Amino acid sequence: MAKLRLHIILAIACWGLLLSCSCSTRQEVKEDEVLSFSVTTCVKNSEGLVYGDTIVNYDGGEYRPTKNETYKNGALEGIDIYKAEGILSYSFKDLKNDSLLVSSIRAVFDRKIVIKDNLLHDSKFTGLNGKKFNNKNGNFYVQENDTLLIYKF
């Protein structure tokens, strides 16, 4: 009976030692959540189209901004909409009171940006999750077809 008890204690100790070793060898994944940021959405500029005075040159193409969303602590502070007449700015309060506007511009009140293993994860654009980004001039650029997203942290 004493031998059986000793074998059981040794088996439990070995299993515990094995488990603690496997847990300690896991690699830490570097993950940074960005709390305050802005995201500018740009579309590829058609040749000959003059639409405001702001042009973004990126990767050999010209893009014009259509919207800029500003977040603080992951919560929407305001949105700027770029129109031919100029920029229309909407505060959080304006957006809270106009559900039709929020729907038409696809505003998101709470947004989470995480940079993990040099990949960008954006809770608004699940299709962009895991996209590589280009860090240029302190901004992060993500290109998807004719759309360019510029993240400023």
N, C-alpha and C. Protein backbone atom coordinates (compact mmCIF):
# COMPACT_ATOMS: atom_id res chain seq x y z
N MET A 1 0.81 -1.18 0.00
CA MET A 1 0.00 0.00 0.00
C MET A 1 0.87 1.26 0.00
N ALA A 2 1.97 1.23 0.74
CA ALA A 2 2.87 2.37 0.81
C ALA A 2 3.54 2.61 -0.55
N LYS A 3 3.88 1.50 -1.27
CA LYS A 3 4.49 1.63 -2.59
C LYS A 3 3.51 2.27 -3.57
N LEU A 4 2.25 1.87 -3.51
CA LEU A 4 1.24 2.44 -4.40
C LEU A 4 1.07 3.92 -4.13
N ARG A 5 1.03 4.29 -2.86
CA ARG A 5 0.90 5.70 -2.49
C ARG A 5 2.12 6.49 -3.00
N LEU A 6 3.31 5.93 -2.89
CA LEU A 6 4.53 6.58 -3.37
C LEU A 6 4.49 6.76 -4.88
N HIS A 7 4.02 5.73 -5.62
CA HIS A 7 3.91 5.82 -7.07
C HIS A 7 2.90 6.91 -7.49
N ILE A 8 1.82 6.99 -6.79
CA ILE A 8 0.81 8.00 -7.09
C ILE A 8 1.38 9.40 -6.85
N ILE A 9 2.06 9.60 -5.74
CA ILE A 9 2.66 10.90 -5.42
C ILE A 9 3.71 11.28 -6.47
N LEU A 10 4.55 10.30 -6.87
CA LEU A 10 5.56 10.56 -7.89
C LEU A 10 4.93 10.89 -9.24
N ALA A 11 3.87 10.19 -9.60
CA ALA A 11 3.19 10.44 -10.88
C ALA A 11 2.58 11.85 -10.89
N ILE A 12 1.96 12.25 -9.78
CA ILE A 12 1.38 13.59 -9.69
C ILE A 12 2.47 14.65 -9.74
N ALA A 13 3.58 14.42 -9.07
CA ALA A 13 4.68 15.38 -9.07
C ALA A 13 5.27 15.52 -10.46
N CYS A 14 5.47 14.40 -11.16
CA CYS A 14 6.01 14.45 -12.53
C CYS A 14 5.04 15.18 -13.46
N TRP A 15 3.77 14.89 -13.35
CA TRP A 15 2.77 15.54 -14.19
C TRP A 15 2.75 17.04 -13.92
N GLY A 16 2.82 17.44 -12.66
CA GLY A 16 2.85 18.86 -12.30
C GLY A 16 4.10 19.55 -12.82
N LEU A 17 5.25 18.87 -12.73
CA LEU A 17 6.50 19.42 -13.25
C LEU A 17 6.44 19.58 -14.77
N LEU A 18 5.90 18.59 -15.45
CA LEU A 18 5.75 18.65 -16.91
C LEU A 18 4.83 19.81 -17.31
N LEU A 19 3.73 19.95 -16.61
CA LEU A 19 2.78 21.02 -16.90
C LEU A 19 3.40 22.39 -16.66
N SER A 20 4.14 22.57 -15.58
CA SER A 20 4.75 23.87 -15.30
C SER A 20 5.83 24.20 -16.32
N CYS A 21 6.56 23.21 -16.80
CA CYS A 21 7.59 23.46 -17.81
C CYS A 21 6.97 23.87 -19.13
N SER A 22 5.89 23.21 -19.53
CA SER A 22 5.27 23.54 -20.81
C SER A 22 4.63 24.92 -20.77
N CYS A 23 4.14 25.34 -19.63
CA CYS A 23 3.54 26.68 -19.51
C CYS A 23 4.61 27.76 -19.55
N SER A 24 5.76 27.51 -18.97
CA SER A 24 6.78 28.54 -18.89
C SER A 24 7.52 28.72 -20.21
N THR A 25 7.44 27.75 -21.14
CA THR A 25 8.15 27.88 -22.41
C THR A 25 7.30 28.54 -23.48
N ARG A 26 6.06 28.88 -23.21
CA ARG A 26 5.23 29.58 -24.19
C ARG A 26 5.82 30.94 -24.48
N GLN A 27 5.81 31.32 -25.74
CA GLN A 27 6.34 32.63 -26.10
C GLN A 27 5.29 33.70 -25.84
N GLU A 28 5.77 34.81 -25.34
CA GLU A 28 4.89 35.95 -25.14
C GLU A 28 4.56 36.56 -26.49
N VAL A 29 3.29 36.83 -26.74
CA VAL A 29 2.87 37.49 -27.97
C VAL A 29 2.77 38.97 -27.69
N LYS A 30 3.46 39.74 -28.48
CA LYS A 30 3.44 41.18 -28.28
C LYS A 30 2.13 41.72 -28.84
N GLU A 31 1.38 42.37 -28.00
CA GLU A 31 0.08 42.91 -28.40
C GLU A 31 -0.06 44.29 -27.79
N ASP A 32 -0.33 45.26 -28.62
CA ASP A 32 -0.52 46.63 -28.15
C ASP A 32 -1.88 47.13 -28.58
N GLU A 33 -2.71 47.48 -27.60
CA GLU A 33 -4.00 48.08 -27.91
C GLU A 33 -3.79 49.59 -27.97
N VAL A 34 -4.32 50.18 -29.03
CA VAL A 34 -4.21 51.62 -29.21
C VAL A 34 -5.51 52.24 -28.72
N LEU A 35 -5.41 53.18 -27.77
CA LEU A 35 -6.60 53.75 -27.16
C LEU A 35 -7.11 55.00 -27.87
N SER A 36 -6.21 55.88 -28.26
CA SER A 36 -6.61 57.13 -28.91
C SER A 36 -5.99 57.17 -30.30
N PHE A 37 -6.84 57.41 -31.30
CA PHE A 37 -6.37 57.34 -32.68
C PHE A 37 -7.37 58.02 -33.61
N SER A 38 -6.95 58.23 -34.84
CA SER A 38 -7.87 58.67 -35.88
C SER A 38 -7.66 57.80 -37.10
N VAL A 39 -8.73 57.61 -37.86
CA VAL A 39 -8.66 56.79 -39.06
C VAL A 39 -9.25 57.63 -40.20
N THR A 40 -8.43 57.85 -41.22
CA THR A 40 -8.89 58.58 -42.40
C THR A 40 -9.12 57.58 -43.52
N THR A 41 -10.32 57.60 -44.08
CA THR A 41 -10.66 56.74 -45.20
C THR A 41 -10.47 57.54 -46.49
N CYS A 42 -9.71 56.99 -47.42
CA CYS A 42 -9.46 57.64 -48.71
C CYS A 42 -9.85 56.69 -49.83
N VAL A 43 -10.28 57.26 -50.96
CA VAL A 43 -10.59 56.46 -52.14
C VAL A 43 -9.69 56.92 -53.27
N LYS A 44 -9.41 55.98 -54.17
CA LYS A 44 -8.52 56.29 -55.30
C LYS A 44 -9.16 57.39 -56.14
N ASN A 45 -8.36 58.38 -56.47
CA ASN A 45 -8.83 59.53 -57.22
C ASN A 45 -8.90 59.18 -58.70
N SER A 46 -10.04 59.46 -59.32
CA SER A 46 -10.18 59.26 -60.76
C SER A 46 -9.38 60.33 -61.49
N GLU A 47 -8.84 59.96 -62.63
CA GLU A 47 -8.03 60.91 -63.39
C GLU A 47 -8.87 62.12 -63.79
N GLY A 48 -8.29 63.29 -63.58
CA GLY A 48 -8.95 64.53 -63.99
C GLY A 48 -9.97 65.05 -62.99
N LEU A 49 -10.27 64.28 -61.94
CA LEU A 49 -11.26 64.72 -60.96
C LEU A 49 -10.61 65.66 -59.95
N VAL A 50 -11.17 66.83 -59.82
CA VAL A 50 -10.70 67.77 -58.81
C VAL A 50 -11.78 67.82 -57.74
N TYR A 51 -11.42 67.36 -56.55
CA TYR A 51 -12.40 67.23 -55.48
C TYR A 51 -11.75 67.71 -54.20
N GLY A 52 -11.82 68.99 -53.97
CA GLY A 52 -11.17 69.56 -52.80
C GLY A 52 -9.69 69.71 -53.06
N ASP A 53 -8.98 70.19 -52.07
CA ASP A 53 -7.55 70.45 -52.26
C ASP A 53 -6.66 69.45 -51.53
N THR A 54 -7.24 68.42 -50.95
CA THR A 54 -6.44 67.44 -50.21
C THR A 54 -6.27 66.18 -51.05
N ILE A 55 -5.03 65.89 -51.37
CA ILE A 55 -4.70 64.67 -52.12
C ILE A 55 -3.64 63.92 -51.32
N VAL A 56 -3.81 62.61 -51.21
CA VAL A 56 -2.83 61.76 -50.53
C VAL A 56 -2.14 60.91 -51.60
N ASN A 57 -0.84 61.05 -51.70
CA ASN A 57 -0.07 60.22 -52.63
C ASN A 57 0.45 59.01 -51.87
N TYR A 58 0.11 57.82 -52.38
CA TYR A 58 0.55 56.60 -51.72
C TYR A 58 0.76 55.50 -52.76
N ASP A 59 1.90 54.89 -52.72
CA ASP A 59 2.23 53.74 -53.55
C ASP A 59 1.91 53.98 -55.04
N GLY A 60 2.27 55.17 -55.52
CA GLY A 60 2.08 55.49 -56.93
C GLY A 60 0.67 55.93 -57.31
N GLY A 61 -0.24 56.00 -56.36
CA GLY A 61 -1.61 56.42 -56.67
C GLY A 61 -2.00 57.67 -55.91
N GLU A 62 -3.01 58.35 -56.41
CA GLU A 62 -3.55 59.53 -55.72
C GLU A 62 -4.88 59.14 -55.08
N TYR A 63 -5.02 59.51 -53.83
CA TYR A 63 -6.24 59.20 -53.07
C TYR A 63 -6.80 60.50 -52.50
N ARG A 64 -8.11 60.56 -52.40
CA ARG A 64 -8.75 61.71 -51.76
C ARG A 64 -9.47 61.23 -50.50
N PRO A 65 -9.32 61.97 -49.42
CA PRO A 65 -10.00 61.58 -48.18
C PRO A 65 -11.51 61.78 -48.31
N THR A 66 -12.26 60.85 -47.73
CA THR A 66 -13.72 60.96 -47.70
C THR A 66 -14.24 61.13 -46.28
N LYS A 67 -13.47 60.60 -45.31
CA LYS A 67 -13.95 60.63 -43.92
C LYS A 67 -12.78 60.50 -42.97
N ASN A 68 -12.84 61.20 -41.85
CA ASN A 68 -11.85 61.07 -40.78
C ASN A 68 -12.60 60.86 -39.47
N GLU A 69 -12.31 59.75 -38.81
CA GLU A 69 -12.95 59.42 -37.53
C GLU A 69 -11.92 59.55 -36.42
N THR A 70 -12.28 60.23 -35.34
CA THR A 70 -11.38 60.43 -34.21
C THR A 70 -11.93 59.72 -32.98
N TYR A 71 -11.07 58.94 -32.33
CA TYR A 71 -11.45 58.16 -31.15
C TYR A 71 -10.52 58.49 -29.98
N LYS A 72 -11.09 58.55 -28.80
CA LYS A 72 -10.32 58.72 -27.58
C LYS A 72 -10.75 57.63 -26.61
N ASN A 73 -9.78 56.87 -26.12
CA ASN A 73 -10.05 55.71 -25.27
C ASN A 73 -11.04 54.74 -25.93
N GLY A 74 -10.93 54.62 -27.25
CA GLY A 74 -11.77 53.69 -28.00
C GLY A 74 -13.17 54.18 -28.28
N ALA A 75 -13.52 55.38 -27.81
CA ALA A 75 -14.87 55.92 -28.00
C ALA A 75 -14.83 57.06 -29.04
N LEU A 76 -15.80 57.07 -29.90
CA LEU A 76 -15.87 58.07 -30.96
C LEU A 76 -16.03 59.47 -30.39
N GLU A 77 -15.16 60.38 -30.85
CA GLU A 77 -15.27 61.80 -30.45
C GLU A 77 -15.94 62.62 -31.54
N GLY A 78 -15.65 62.31 -32.80
CA GLY A 78 -16.23 63.07 -33.89
C GLY A 78 -15.80 62.53 -35.23
N ILE A 79 -16.50 62.98 -36.27
CA ILE A 79 -16.22 62.57 -37.64
C ILE A 79 -16.21 63.79 -38.54
N ASP A 80 -15.23 63.83 -39.43
CA ASP A 80 -15.19 64.85 -40.48
C ASP A 80 -15.51 64.16 -41.79
N ILE A 81 -16.46 64.73 -42.54
CA ILE A 81 -16.82 64.22 -43.86
C ILE A 81 -16.30 65.22 -44.88
N TYR A 82 -15.53 64.72 -45.84
CA TYR A 82 -14.95 65.58 -46.87
C TYR A 82 -15.92 65.67 -48.05
N LYS A 83 -16.38 66.87 -48.36
CA LYS A 83 -17.29 67.15 -49.47
C LYS A 83 -16.65 68.18 -50.39
N ALA A 84 -17.20 68.34 -51.57
CA ALA A 84 -16.68 69.33 -52.52
C ALA A 84 -16.77 70.74 -51.93
N GLU A 85 -17.78 70.99 -51.11
CA GLU A 85 -17.97 72.31 -50.51
C GLU A 85 -17.02 72.56 -49.33
N GLY A 86 -16.38 71.52 -48.86
CA GLY A 86 -15.51 71.63 -47.70
C GLY A 86 -15.75 70.47 -46.75
N ILE A 87 -15.18 70.59 -45.57
CA ILE A 87 -15.29 69.53 -44.56
C ILE A 87 -16.48 69.79 -43.66
N LEU A 88 -17.31 68.77 -43.49
CA LEU A 88 -18.44 68.84 -42.56
C LEU A 88 -18.04 68.07 -41.31
N SER A 89 -18.05 68.72 -40.17
CA SER A 89 -17.64 68.09 -38.91
C SER A 89 -18.85 67.77 -38.05
N TYR A 90 -18.85 66.57 -37.48
CA TYR A 90 -19.93 66.14 -36.60
C TYR A 90 -19.33 65.69 -35.27
N SER A 91 -19.85 66.22 -34.20
CA SER A 91 -19.38 65.82 -32.86
C SER A 91 -20.09 64.53 -32.44
N PHE A 92 -19.65 63.98 -31.34
CA PHE A 92 -20.29 62.79 -30.77
C PHE A 92 -21.77 63.07 -30.50
N LYS A 93 -22.05 64.24 -29.96
CA LYS A 93 -23.43 64.62 -29.65
C LYS A 93 -24.28 64.70 -30.92
N ASP A 94 -23.72 65.30 -31.98
CA ASP A 94 -24.44 65.38 -33.26
C ASP A 94 -24.80 63.99 -33.76
N LEU A 95 -23.84 63.09 -33.67
CA LEU A 95 -24.04 61.74 -34.18
C LEU A 95 -25.03 60.95 -33.33
N LYS A 96 -24.98 61.12 -32.02
CA LYS A 96 -25.91 60.42 -31.13
C LYS A 96 -27.36 60.81 -31.42
N ASN A 97 -27.56 62.06 -31.89
CA ASN A 97 -28.91 62.56 -32.15
C ASN A 97 -29.39 62.31 -33.57
N ASP A 98 -28.57 61.69 -34.42
CA ASP A 98 -28.95 61.50 -35.82
C ASP A 98 -28.60 60.08 -36.27
N SER A 99 -29.50 59.15 -35.99
CA SER A 99 -29.24 57.74 -36.31
C SER A 99 -29.16 57.50 -37.82
N LEU A 100 -29.86 58.28 -38.61
CA LEU A 100 -29.81 58.12 -40.06
C LEU A 100 -28.42 58.49 -40.59
N LEU A 101 -27.86 59.57 -40.07
CA LEU A 101 -26.51 59.97 -40.46
C LEU A 101 -25.50 58.90 -40.05
N VAL A 102 -25.63 58.41 -38.83
CA VAL A 102 -24.72 57.37 -38.33
C VAL A 102 -24.76 56.15 -39.25
N SER A 103 -25.95 55.77 -39.65
CA SER A 103 -26.10 54.61 -40.53
C SER A 103 -25.52 54.89 -41.92
N SER A 104 -25.76 56.06 -42.45
CA SER A 104 -25.31 56.35 -43.82
C SER A 104 -23.79 56.48 -43.92
N ILE A 105 -23.13 56.94 -42.88
CA ILE A 105 -21.66 57.08 -42.92
C ILE A 105 -20.96 55.92 -42.23
N ARG A 106 -21.74 54.96 -41.77
CA ARG A 106 -21.21 53.75 -41.11
C ARG A 106 -20.31 54.08 -39.93
N ALA A 107 -20.82 54.94 -39.08
CA ALA A 107 -20.07 55.33 -37.88
C ALA A 107 -20.16 54.23 -36.83
N VAL A 108 -19.08 54.05 -36.10
CA VAL A 108 -19.02 53.09 -35.01
C VAL A 108 -18.63 53.86 -33.76
N PHE A 109 -19.43 53.74 -32.70
CA PHE A 109 -19.20 54.52 -31.49
C PHE A 109 -18.05 53.98 -30.64
N ASP A 110 -17.86 52.67 -30.66
CA ASP A 110 -16.77 52.05 -29.89
C ASP A 110 -15.92 51.23 -30.86
N ARG A 111 -14.61 51.45 -30.80
CA ARG A 111 -13.72 50.80 -31.76
C ARG A 111 -12.43 50.40 -31.07
N LYS A 112 -11.93 49.25 -31.44
CA LYS A 112 -10.71 48.75 -30.81
C LYS A 112 -9.67 48.49 -31.91
N ILE A 113 -8.49 49.06 -31.71
CA ILE A 113 -7.37 48.83 -32.61
C ILE A 113 -6.28 48.11 -31.82
N VAL A 114 -5.80 47.00 -32.36
CA VAL A 114 -4.74 46.24 -31.72
C VAL A 114 -3.67 45.95 -32.77
N ILE A 115 -2.44 46.15 -32.37
CA ILE A 115 -1.31 45.76 -33.22
C ILE A 115 -0.69 44.54 -32.55
N LYS A 116 -0.73 43.42 -33.27
CA LYS A 116 -0.27 42.15 -32.70
C LYS A 116 0.61 41.46 -33.73
N ASP A 117 1.83 41.16 -33.35
CA ASP A 117 2.78 40.50 -34.24
C ASP A 117 2.93 41.24 -35.57
N ASN A 118 3.02 42.57 -35.50
CA ASN A 118 3.15 43.43 -36.68
C ASN A 118 1.97 43.34 -37.64
N LEU A 119 0.82 42.96 -37.13
CA LEU A 119 -0.41 42.94 -37.93
C LEU A 119 -1.43 43.84 -37.25
N LEU A 120 -2.25 44.49 -38.07
CA LEU A 120 -3.25 45.42 -37.56
C LEU A 120 -4.59 44.71 -37.43
N HIS A 121 -5.25 44.90 -36.30
CA HIS A 121 -6.59 44.35 -36.07
C HIS A 121 -7.51 45.51 -35.71
N ASP A 122 -8.56 45.68 -36.49
CA ASP A 122 -9.50 46.79 -36.31
C ASP A 122 -10.89 46.19 -36.13
N SER A 123 -11.53 46.47 -35.00
CA SER A 123 -12.84 45.88 -34.72
C SER A 123 -13.91 46.32 -35.70
N LYS A 124 -13.71 47.43 -36.41
CA LYS A 124 -14.71 47.89 -37.38
C LYS A 124 -14.61 47.13 -38.69
N PHE A 125 -13.40 46.84 -39.11
CA PHE A 125 -13.18 46.18 -40.39
C PHE A 125 -12.64 44.79 -40.17
N THR A 126 -13.52 43.83 -39.96
CA THR A 126 -13.05 42.47 -39.69
C THR A 126 -12.34 41.89 -40.90
N GLY A 127 -12.66 42.35 -42.10
CA GLY A 127 -11.98 41.87 -43.29
C GLY A 127 -10.54 42.33 -43.36
N LEU A 128 -10.20 43.39 -42.63
CA LEU A 128 -8.83 43.88 -42.63
C LEU A 128 -8.00 43.26 -41.52
N ASN A 129 -8.63 42.53 -40.62
CA ASN A 129 -7.89 41.98 -39.50
C ASN A 129 -6.78 41.07 -39.99
N GLY A 130 -5.62 41.28 -39.42
CA GLY A 130 -4.47 40.50 -39.80
C GLY A 130 -3.77 41.05 -41.02
N LYS A 131 -4.18 42.22 -41.50
CA LYS A 131 -3.53 42.84 -42.66
C LYS A 131 -2.20 43.45 -42.23
N LYS A 132 -1.24 43.32 -43.09
CA LYS A 132 0.03 44.01 -42.84
C LYS A 132 -0.17 45.47 -43.15
N PHE A 133 0.55 46.29 -42.44
CA PHE A 133 0.43 47.72 -42.65
C PHE A 133 1.79 48.28 -42.98
N ASN A 134 1.77 49.45 -43.56
CA ASN A 134 3.00 50.14 -43.91
C ASN A 134 3.13 51.34 -42.99
N ASN A 135 4.16 51.37 -42.18
CA ASN A 135 4.40 52.47 -41.26
C ASN A 135 5.23 53.51 -42.00
N LYS A 136 4.61 54.64 -42.30
CA LYS A 136 5.26 55.68 -43.08
C LYS A 136 4.96 57.03 -42.45
N ASN A 137 6.00 57.78 -42.13
CA ASN A 137 5.84 59.11 -41.53
C ASN A 137 5.05 59.08 -40.23
N GLY A 138 5.15 57.99 -39.48
CA GLY A 138 4.43 57.89 -38.22
C GLY A 138 2.97 57.52 -38.36
N ASN A 139 2.50 57.31 -39.59
CA ASN A 139 1.14 56.88 -39.85
C ASN A 139 1.17 55.43 -40.34
N PHE A 140 0.07 54.74 -40.14
CA PHE A 140 -0.02 53.36 -40.60
C PHE A 140 -1.02 53.31 -41.75
N TYR A 141 -0.59 52.77 -42.87
CA TYR A 141 -1.40 52.72 -44.08
C TYR A 141 -1.82 51.28 -44.37
N VAL A 142 -3.11 51.09 -44.65
CA VAL A 142 -3.62 49.79 -45.05
C VAL A 142 -4.39 50.02 -46.35
N GLN A 143 -3.97 49.31 -47.39
CA GLN A 143 -4.59 49.48 -48.71
C GLN A 143 -5.42 48.25 -49.03
N GLU A 144 -6.63 48.47 -49.45
CA GLU A 144 -7.54 47.39 -49.83
C GLU A 144 -8.26 47.83 -51.10
N ASN A 145 -7.89 47.24 -52.22
CA ASN A 145 -8.43 47.62 -53.52
C ASN A 145 -8.24 49.12 -53.76
N ASP A 146 -9.33 49.86 -53.97
CA ASP A 146 -9.25 51.30 -54.23
C ASP A 146 -9.43 52.14 -52.98
N THR A 147 -9.36 51.52 -51.82
CA THR A 147 -9.52 52.22 -50.55
C THR A 147 -8.21 52.21 -49.78
N LEU A 148 -7.90 53.35 -49.20
CA LEU A 148 -6.70 53.49 -48.36
C LEU A 148 -7.15 53.97 -46.99
N LEU A 149 -6.75 53.25 -45.96
CA LEU A 149 -7.04 53.67 -44.58
C LEU A 149 -5.74 54.15 -43.97
N ILE A 150 -5.79 55.35 -43.37
CA ILE A 150 -4.61 55.91 -42.72
C ILE A 150 -4.91 55.98 -41.23
N TYR A 151 -4.15 55.23 -40.45
CA TYR A 151 -4.30 55.21 -39.00
C TYR A 151 -3.25 56.11 -38.39
N LYS A 152 -3.68 57.04 -37.56
CA LYS A 152 -2.77 57.93 -36.85
C LYS A 152 -2.92 57.68 -35.36
N PHE A 153 -1.81 57.33 -34.72
CA PHE A 153 -1.86 57.01 -33.29
C PHE A 153 -1.18 58.09 -32.48
